[in-house]
Amino acid sequence: NGTLVGDVQFSLSGSDAQALVTFIVFFGVGLPLICMITSIMHFNKYRRVRRICRETRLQMQRDLLEMEMLSREEEDEDEEG
């Protein structure tokens, strides 16, 4: 069982209340929202870069295959001619 030593009274002025509400809104709503938006943007960028890399790799493979087919056609023509 505790002993009462004294009491404290707080008087919150208007500017202090406004600062407290701003602090709570910023760290409770604003900052998590900013972090969520940033993470979504990074994830979308990651997906876009991955897609571009895959398309570039496929295009490069197609080009190499086409070059190989052309060289084989030329070899076949040289053997026949």
PDB file of N, CA and C in Angstrom:
ATOM      1  N   ASN A   1       0.854  -1.164   0.000  1.00  0.00           N
ATOM      2  CA  ASN A   1       0.000   0.000   0.000  1.00  0.00           C
ATOM      3  C   ASN A   1       0.896   1.221   0.000  1.00  0.00           C
ATOM      4  N   GLY A   2       0.609   2.105  -0.932  1.00  0.00           N
ATOM      5  CA  GLY A   2       1.467   3.264  -1.121  1.00  0.00           C
ATOM      6  C   GLY A   2       1.127   4.418  -0.205  1.00  0.00           C
ATOM      7  N   THR A   3       2.024   5.361  -0.153  1.00  0.00           N
ATOM      8  CA  THR A   3       1.839   6.565   0.646  1.00  0.00           C
ATOM      9  C   THR A   3       1.756   7.755  -0.291  1.00  0.00           C
ATOM     10  N   LEU A   4       0.802   8.599  -0.131  1.00  0.00           N
ATOM     11  CA  LEU A   4       0.631   9.789  -0.958  1.00  0.00           C
ATOM     12  C   LEU A   4       1.638  10.834  -0.502  1.00  0.00           C
ATOM     13  N   VAL A   5       2.525  11.198  -1.423  1.00  0.00           N
ATOM     14  CA  VAL A   5       3.555  12.176  -1.086  1.00  0.00           C
ATOM     15  C   VAL A   5       3.110  13.570  -1.482  1.00  0.00           C
ATOM     16  N   GLY A   6       2.424  13.671  -2.580  1.00  0.00           N
ATOM     17  CA  GLY A   6       1.975  14.973  -3.051  1.00  0.00           C
ATOM     18  C   GLY A   6       1.127  14.801  -4.283  1.00  0.00           C
ATOM     19  N   ASP A   7       0.685  15.883  -4.837  1.00  0.00           N
ATOM     20  CA  ASP A   7      -0.085  15.804  -6.070  1.00  0.00           C
ATOM     21  C   ASP A   7       0.486  16.802  -7.064  1.00  0.00           C
ATOM     22  N   VAL A   8       0.311  16.483  -8.339  1.00  0.00           N
ATOM     23  CA  VAL A   8       0.819  17.321  -9.424  1.00  0.00           C
ATOM     24  C   VAL A   8      -0.358  17.727 -10.280  1.00  0.00           C
ATOM     25  N   GLN A   9      -0.362  18.980 -10.654  1.00  0.00           N
ATOM     26  CA  GLN A   9      -1.413  19.474 -11.540  1.00  0.00           C
ATOM     27  C   GLN A   9      -0.768  19.939 -12.836  1.00  0.00           C
ATOM     28  N   PHE A  10      -1.369  19.512 -13.937  1.00  0.00           N
ATOM     29  CA  PHE A  10      -0.884  19.917 -15.246  1.00  0.00           C
ATOM     30  C   PHE A  10      -1.885  20.878 -15.849  1.00  0.00           C
ATOM     31  N   SER A  11      -1.370  21.933 -16.397  1.00  0.00           N
ATOM     32  CA  SER A  11      -2.244  22.824 -17.169  1.00  0.00           C
ATOM     33  C   SER A  11      -1.670  22.886 -18.577  1.00  0.00           C
ATOM     34  N   LEU A  12      -2.448  22.449 -19.507  1.00  0.00           N
ATOM     35  CA  LEU A  12      -2.012  22.349 -20.891  1.00  0.00           C
ATOM     36  C   LEU A  12      -2.503  23.570 -21.643  1.00  0.00           C
ATOM     37  N   SER A  13      -1.579  24.388 -22.102  1.00  0.00           N
ATOM     38  CA  SER A  13      -1.981  25.568 -22.860  1.00  0.00           C
ATOM     39  C   SER A  13      -2.375  25.157 -24.270  1.00  0.00           C
ATOM     40  N   GLY A  14      -2.950  26.079 -24.998  1.00  0.00           N
ATOM     41  CA  GLY A  14      -3.418  25.779 -26.362  1.00  0.00           C
ATOM     42  C   GLY A  14      -2.298  25.377 -27.295  1.00  0.00           C
ATOM     43  N   SER A  15      -1.165  26.082 -27.232  1.00  0.00           N
ATOM     44  CA  SER A  15      -0.051  25.748 -28.122  1.00  0.00           C
ATOM     45  C   SER A  15       0.569  24.405 -27.746  1.00  0.00           C
ATOM     46  N   ASP A  16       0.620  24.098 -26.444  1.00  0.00           N
ATOM     47  CA  ASP A  16       1.138  22.793 -26.022  1.00  0.00           C
ATOM     48  C   ASP A  16       0.223  21.660 -26.478  1.00  0.00           C
ATOM     49  N   ALA A  17      -1.066  21.882 -26.387  1.00  0.00           N
ATOM     50  CA  ALA A  17      -2.025  20.871 -26.841  1.00  0.00           C
ATOM     51  C   ALA A  17      -1.906  20.661 -28.344  1.00  0.00           C
ATOM     52  N   GLN A  18      -1.735  21.757 -29.075  1.00  0.00           N
ATOM     53  CA  GLN A  18      -1.585  21.655 -30.527  1.00  0.00           C
ATOM     54  C   GLN A  18      -0.299  20.890 -30.872  1.00  0.00           C
ATOM     55  N   ALA A  19       0.784  21.156 -30.158  1.00  0.00           N
ATOM     56  CA  ALA A  19       2.038  20.451 -30.405  1.00  0.00           C
ATOM     57  C   ALA A  19       1.890  18.964 -30.092  1.00  0.00           C
ATOM     58  N   LEU A  20       1.189  18.650 -29.007  1.00  0.00           N
ATOM     59  CA  LEU A  20       0.979  17.252 -28.643  1.00  0.00           C
ATOM     60  C   LEU A  20       0.146  16.524 -29.700  1.00  0.00           C
ATOM     61  N   VAL A  21      -0.924  17.148 -30.144  1.00  0.00           N
ATOM     62  CA  VAL A  21      -1.771  16.536 -31.176  1.00  0.00           C
ATOM     63  C   VAL A  21      -0.990  16.370 -32.474  1.00  0.00           C
ATOM     64  N   THR A  22      -0.211  17.376 -32.844  1.00  0.00           N
ATOM     65  CA  THR A  22       0.607  17.282 -34.057  1.00  0.00           C
ATOM     66  C   THR A  22       1.602  16.134 -33.946  1.00  0.00           C
ATOM     67  N   PHE A  23       2.243  15.999 -32.789  1.00  0.00           N
ATOM     68  CA  PHE A  23       3.199  14.917 -32.561  1.00  0.00           C
ATOM     69  C   PHE A  23       2.525  13.562 -32.713  1.00  0.00           C
ATOM     70  N   ILE A  24       1.369  13.412 -32.089  1.00  0.00           N
ATOM     71  CA  ILE A  24       0.651  12.133 -32.139  1.00  0.00           C
ATOM     72  C   ILE A  24       0.197  11.819 -33.561  1.00  0.00           C
ATOM     73  N   VAL A  25      -0.332  12.814 -34.263  1.00  0.00           N
ATOM     74  CA  VAL A  25      -0.809  12.584 -35.631  1.00  0.00           C
ATOM     75  C   VAL A  25       0.359  12.251 -36.544  1.00  0.00           C
ATOM     76  N   PHE A  26       1.478  12.980 -36.406  1.00  0.00           N
ATOM     77  CA  PHE A  26       2.612  12.732 -37.298  1.00  0.00           C
ATOM     78  C   PHE A  26       3.198  11.340 -37.084  1.00  0.00           C
ATOM     79  N   PHE A  27       3.505  11.007 -35.827  1.00  0.00           N
ATOM     80  CA  PHE A  27       4.141   9.715 -35.575  1.00  0.00           C
ATOM     81  C   PHE A  27       3.150   8.555 -35.566  1.00  0.00           C
ATOM     82  N   GLY A  28       1.895   8.826 -35.348  1.00  0.00           N
ATOM     83  CA  GLY A  28       0.906   7.755 -35.318  1.00  0.00           C
ATOM     84  C   GLY A  28       0.267   7.474 -36.665  1.00  0.00           C
ATOM     85  N   VAL A  29       0.171   8.502 -37.517  1.00  0.00           N
ATOM     86  CA  VAL A  29      -0.495   8.339 -38.808  1.00  0.00           C
ATOM     87  C   VAL A  29       0.445   8.666 -39.966  1.00  0.00           C
ATOM     88  N   GLY A  30       1.052   9.839 -39.913  1.00  0.00           N
ATOM     89  CA  GLY A  30       1.852  10.321 -41.039  1.00  0.00           C
ATOM     90  C   GLY A  30       3.068   9.481 -41.343  1.00  0.00           C
ATOM     91  N   LEU A  31       3.867   9.222 -40.330  1.00  0.00           N
ATOM     92  CA  LEU A  31       5.099   8.472 -40.547  1.00  0.00           C
ATOM     93  C   LEU A  31       4.848   7.039 -41.029  1.00  0.00           C
ATOM     94  N   PRO A  32       3.927   6.286 -40.434  1.00  0.00           N
ATOM     95  CA  PRO A  32       3.647   4.944 -40.987  1.00  0.00           C
ATOM     96  C   PRO A  32       3.115   4.998 -42.423  1.00  0.00           C
ATOM     97  N   LEU A  33       2.318   6.008 -42.719  1.00  0.00           N
ATOM     98  CA  LEU A  33       1.803   6.144 -44.083  1.00  0.00           C
ATOM     99  C   LEU A  33       2.930   6.427 -45.068  1.00  0.00           C
ATOM    100  N   ILE A  34       3.839   7.312 -44.688  1.00  0.00           N
ATOM    101  CA  ILE A  34       4.985   7.618 -45.546  1.00  0.00           C
ATOM    102  C   ILE A  34       5.840   6.373 -45.754  1.00  0.00           C
ATOM    103  N   CYS A  35       6.071   5.610 -44.692  1.00  0.00           N
ATOM    104  CA  CYS A  35       6.866   4.385 -44.810  1.00  0.00           C
ATOM    105  C   CYS A  35       6.178   3.357 -45.712  1.00  0.00           C
ATOM    106  N   MET A  36       4.866   3.231 -45.591  1.00  0.00           N
ATOM    107  CA  MET A  36       4.131   2.280 -46.417  1.00  0.00           C
ATOM    108  C   MET A  36       4.191   2.685 -47.892  1.00  0.00           C
ATOM    109  N   ILE A  37       3.995   3.965 -48.174  1.00  0.00           N
ATOM    110  CA  ILE A  37       4.049   4.442 -49.558  1.00  0.00           C
ATOM    111  C   ILE A  37       5.443   4.231 -50.134  1.00  0.00           C
ATOM    112  N   THR A  38       6.477   4.523 -49.341  1.00  0.00           N
ATOM    113  CA  THR A  38       7.854   4.340 -49.806  1.00  0.00           C
ATOM    114  C   THR A  38       8.136   2.872 -50.108  1.00  0.00           C
ATOM    115  N   SER A  39       7.684   1.983 -49.238  1.00  0.00           N
ATOM    116  CA  SER A  39       7.937   0.557 -49.480  1.00  0.00           C
ATOM    117  C   SER A  39       7.182   0.064 -50.712  1.00  0.00           C
ATOM    118  N   ILE A  40       5.964   0.550 -50.931  1.00  0.00           N
ATOM    119  CA  ILE A  40       5.207   0.171 -52.131  1.00  0.00           C
ATOM    120  C   ILE A  40       5.910   0.668 -53.380  1.00  0.00           C
ATOM    121  N   MET A  41       6.422   1.898 -53.337  1.00  0.00           N
ATOM    122  CA  MET A  41       7.136   2.440 -54.499  1.00  0.00           C
ATOM    123  C   MET A  41       8.397   1.632 -54.798  1.00  0.00           C
ATOM    124  N   HIS A  42       9.143   1.246 -53.755  1.00  0.00           N
ATOM    125  CA  HIS A  42      10.345   0.449 -53.972  1.00  0.00           C
ATOM    126  C   HIS A  42       9.993  -0.927 -54.518  1.00  0.00           C
ATOM    127  N   PHE A  43       8.926  -1.529 -54.020  1.00  0.00           N
ATOM    128  CA  PHE A  43       8.526  -2.845 -54.518  1.00  0.00           C
ATOM    129  C   PHE A  43       8.124  -2.765 -55.989  1.00  0.00           C
ATOM    130  N   ASN A  44       7.370  -1.707 -56.350  1.00  0.00           N
ATOM    131  CA  ASN A  44       6.988  -1.547 -57.751  1.00  0.00           C
ATOM    132  C   ASN A  44       8.213  -1.333 -58.644  1.00  0.00           C
ATOM    133  N   LYS A  45       9.185  -0.564 -58.154  1.00  0.00           N
ATOM    134  CA  LYS A  45      10.410  -0.352 -58.920  1.00  0.00           C
ATOM    135  C   LYS A  45      11.157  -1.672 -59.083  1.00  0.00           C
ATOM    136  N   TYR A  46      11.233  -2.459 -58.022  1.00  0.00           N
ATOM    137  CA  TYR A  46      11.902  -3.762 -58.087  1.00  0.00           C
ATOM    138  C   TYR A  46      11.245  -4.657 -59.128  1.00  0.00           C
ATOM    139  N   ARG A  47       9.902  -4.707 -59.122  1.00  0.00           N
ATOM    140  CA  ARG A  47       9.183  -5.530 -60.103  1.00  0.00           C
ATOM    141  C   ARG A  47       9.412  -5.037 -61.516  1.00  0.00           C
ATOM    142  N   ARG A  48       9.394  -3.708 -61.703  1.00  0.00           N
ATOM    143  CA  ARG A  48       9.586  -3.135 -63.033  1.00  0.00           C
ATOM    144  C   ARG A  48      10.990  -3.452 -63.552  1.00  0.00           C
ATOM    145  N   VAL A  49      12.012  -3.295 -62.708  1.00  0.00           N
ATOM    146  CA  VAL A  49      13.388  -3.588 -63.118  1.00  0.00           C
ATOM    147  C   VAL A  49      13.547  -5.064 -63.432  1.00  0.00           C
ATOM    148  N   ARG A  50      12.926  -5.919 -62.609  1.00  0.00           N
ATOM    149  CA  ARG A  50      12.998  -7.360 -62.868  1.00  0.00           C
ATOM    150  C   ARG A  50      12.364  -7.710 -64.214  1.00  0.00           C
ATOM    151  N   ARG A  51      11.226  -7.077 -64.531  1.00  0.00           N
ATOM    152  CA  ARG A  51      10.559  -7.328 -65.806  1.00  0.00           C
ATOM    153  C   ARG A  51      11.421  -6.842 -66.971  1.00  0.00           C
ATOM    154  N   ILE A  52      12.019  -5.655 -66.828  1.00  0.00           N
ATOM    155  CA  ILE A  52      12.864  -5.114 -67.893  1.00  0.00           C
ATOM    156  C   ILE A  52      14.080  -6.001 -68.115  1.00  0.00           C
ATOM    157  N   CYS A  53      14.683  -6.485 -67.039  1.00  0.00           N
ATOM    158  CA  CYS A  53      15.839  -7.383 -67.162  1.00  0.00           C
ATOM    159  C   CYS A  53      15.447  -8.682 -67.873  1.00  0.00           C
ATOM    160  N   ARG A  54      14.285  -9.228 -67.506  1.00  0.00           N
ATOM    161  CA  ARG A  54      13.831 -10.456 -68.144  1.00  0.00           C
ATOM    162  C   ARG A  54      13.577 -10.227 -69.638  1.00  0.00           C
ATOM    163  N   GLU A  55      12.932  -9.108 -69.995  1.00  0.00           N
ATOM    164  CA  GLU A  55      12.659  -8.810 -71.400  1.00  0.00           C
ATOM    165  C   GLU A  55      13.963  -8.605 -72.175  1.00  0.00           C
ATOM    166  N   THR A  56      14.915  -7.911 -71.559  1.00  0.00           N
ATOM    167  CA  THR A  56      16.203  -7.675 -72.214  1.00  0.00           C
ATOM    168  C   THR A  56      16.947  -8.987 -72.427  1.00  0.00           C
ATOM    169  N   ARG A  57      16.933  -9.854 -71.422  1.00  0.00           N
ATOM    170  CA  ARG A  57      17.595 -11.150 -71.542  1.00  0.00           C
ATOM    171  C   ARG A  57      16.954 -11.989 -72.645  1.00  0.00           C
ATOM    172  N   LEU A  58      15.622 -11.995 -72.694  1.00  0.00           N
ATOM    173  CA  LEU A  58      14.935 -12.762 -73.742  1.00  0.00           C
ATOM    174  C   LEU A  58      15.234 -12.210 -75.131  1.00  0.00           C
ATOM    175  N   GLN A  59      15.279 -10.881 -75.255  1.00  0.00           N
ATOM    176  CA  GLN A  59      15.580 -10.276 -76.552  1.00  0.00           C
ATOM    177  C   GLN A  59      17.006 -10.610 -76.983  1.00  0.00           C
ATOM    178  N   MET A  60      17.917 -10.611 -76.021  1.00  0.00           N
ATOM    179  CA  MET A  60      19.298 -10.960 -76.328  1.00  0.00           C
ATOM    180  C   MET A  60      19.403 -12.421 -76.763  1.00  0.00           C
ATOM    181  N   GLN A  61      18.678 -13.307 -76.098  1.00  0.00           N
ATOM    182  CA  GLN A  61      18.679 -14.716 -76.484  1.00  0.00           C
ATOM    183  C   GLN A  61      18.091 -14.888 -77.883  1.00  0.00           C
ATOM    184  N   ARG A  62      17.030 -14.144 -78.188  1.00  0.00           N
ATOM    185  CA  ARG A  62      16.453 -14.219 -79.540  1.00  0.00           C
ATOM    186  C   ARG A  62      17.449 -13.755 -80.591  1.00  0.00           C
ATOM    187  N   ASP A  63      18.142 -12.652 -80.302  1.00  0.00           N
ATOM    188  CA  ASP A  63      19.130 -12.136 -81.248  1.00  0.00           C
ATOM    189  C   ASP A  63      20.251 -13.141 -81.472  1.00  0.00           C
ATOM    190  N   LEU A  64      20.734 -13.747 -80.382  1.00  0.00           N
ATOM    191  CA  LEU A  64      21.805 -14.742 -80.516  1.00  0.00           C
ATOM    192  C   LEU A  64      21.329 -15.965 -81.298  1.00  0.00           C
ATOM    193  N   LEU A  65      20.098 -16.392 -81.043  1.00  0.00           N
ATOM    194  CA  LEU A  65      19.549 -17.534 -81.777  1.00  0.00           C
ATOM    195  C   LEU A  65      19.399 -17.202 -83.260  1.00  0.00           C
ATOM    196  N   GLU A  66      18.958 -16.002 -83.548  1.00  0.00           N
ATOM    197  CA  GLU A  66      18.804 -15.595 -84.948  1.00  0.00           C
ATOM    198  C   GLU A  66      20.169 -15.545 -85.640  1.00  0.00           C
ATOM    199  N   MET A  67      21.182 -15.029 -84.944  1.00  0.00           N
ATOM    200  CA  MET A  67      22.525 -14.987 -85.530  1.00  0.00           C
ATOM    201  C   MET A  67      23.044 -16.403 -85.781  1.00  0.00           C
ATOM    202  N   GLU A  68      22.785 -17.311 -84.835  1.00  0.00           N
ATOM    203  CA  GLU A  68      23.232 -18.690 -85.006  1.00  0.00           C
ATOM    204  C   GLU A  68      22.515 -19.356 -86.175  1.00  0.00           C
ATOM    205  N   MET A  69      21.221 -19.104 -86.313  1.00  0.00           N
ATOM    206  CA  MET A  69      20.474 -19.696 -87.424  1.00  0.00           C
ATOM    207  C   MET A  69      20.971 -19.150 -88.762  1.00  0.00           C
ATOM    208  N   LEU A  70      21.260 -17.856 -88.803  1.00  0.00           N
ATOM    209  CA  LEU A  70      21.781 -17.274 -90.051  1.00  0.00           C
ATOM    210  C   LEU A  70      23.147 -17.859 -90.397  1.00  0.00           C
ATOM    211  N   SER A  71      23.995 -18.033 -89.398  1.00  0.00           N
ATOM    212  CA  SER A  71      25.325 -18.592 -89.682  1.00  0.00           C
ATOM    213  C   SER A  71      25.204 -20.040 -90.151  1.00  0.00           C
ATOM    214  N   ARG A  72      24.269 -20.809 -89.590  1.00  0.00           N
ATOM    215  CA  ARG A  72      24.071 -22.192 -90.038  1.00  0.00           C
ATOM    216  C   ARG A  72      23.515 -22.235 -91.460  1.00  0.00           C
ATOM    217  N   GLU A  73      22.622 -21.305 -91.784  1.00  0.00           N
ATOM    218  CA  GLU A  73      22.094 -21.244 -93.156  1.00  0.00           C
ATOM    219  C   GLU A  73      23.207 -20.932 -94.133  1.00  0.00           C
ATOM    220  N   GLU A  74      24.105 -20.034 -93.735  1.00  0.00           N
ATOM    221  CA  GLU A  74      25.227 -19.709 -94.614  1.00  0.00           C
ATOM    222  C   GLU A  74      26.154 -20.902 -94.777  1.00  0.00           C
ATOM    223  N   GLU A  75      26.379 -21.659 -93.689  1.00  0.00           N
ATOM    224  CA  GLU A  75      27.217 -22.862 -93.776  1.00  0.00           C
ATOM    225  C   GLU A  75      26.573 -23.898 -94.690  1.00  0.00           C
ATOM    226  N   ASP A  76      25.240 -24.050 -94.583  1.00  0.00           N
ATOM    227  CA  ASP A  76      24.535 -25.011 -95.436  1.00  0.00           C
ATOM    228  C   ASP A  76      24.639 -24.590 -96.898  1.00  0.00           C
ATOM    229  N   GLU A  77      24.514 -23.298 -97.187  1.00  0.00           N
ATOM    230  CA  GLU A  77      24.615 -22.814 -98.563  1.00  0.00           C
ATOM    231  C   GLU A  77      26.029 -23.013 -99.091  1.00  0.00           C
ATOM    232  N   ASP A  78      27.040 -22.818 -98.244  1.00  0.00           N
ATOM    233  CA  ASP A  78      28.428 -23.010 -98.670  1.00  0.00           C
ATOM    234  C   ASP A  78      28.699 -24.481 -98.964  1.00  0.00           C
ATOM    235  N   GLU A  79      28.118 -25.397 -98.187  1.00  0.00           N
ATOM    236  CA  GLU A  79      28.313 -26.831 -98.416  1.00  0.00           C
ATOM    237  C   GLU A  79      27.629 -27.266 -99.698  1.00  0.00           C
ATOM    238  N   GLU A  80      26.464 -26.695 -99.988  1.00  0.00           N
ATOM    239  CA  GLU A  80      25.724 -27.063-101.196  1.00  0.00           C
ATOM    240  C   GLU A  80      26.352 -26.455-102.429  1.00  0.00           C
ATOM    241  N   GLY A  81      26.913 -25.270-102.299  1.00  0.00           N
ATOM    242  CA  GLY A  81      27.412 -24.539-103.457  1.00  0.00           C
ATOM    243  C   GLY A  81      28.810 -24.795-103.752  1.00  0.00           C
TER     244      GLY A  81
END
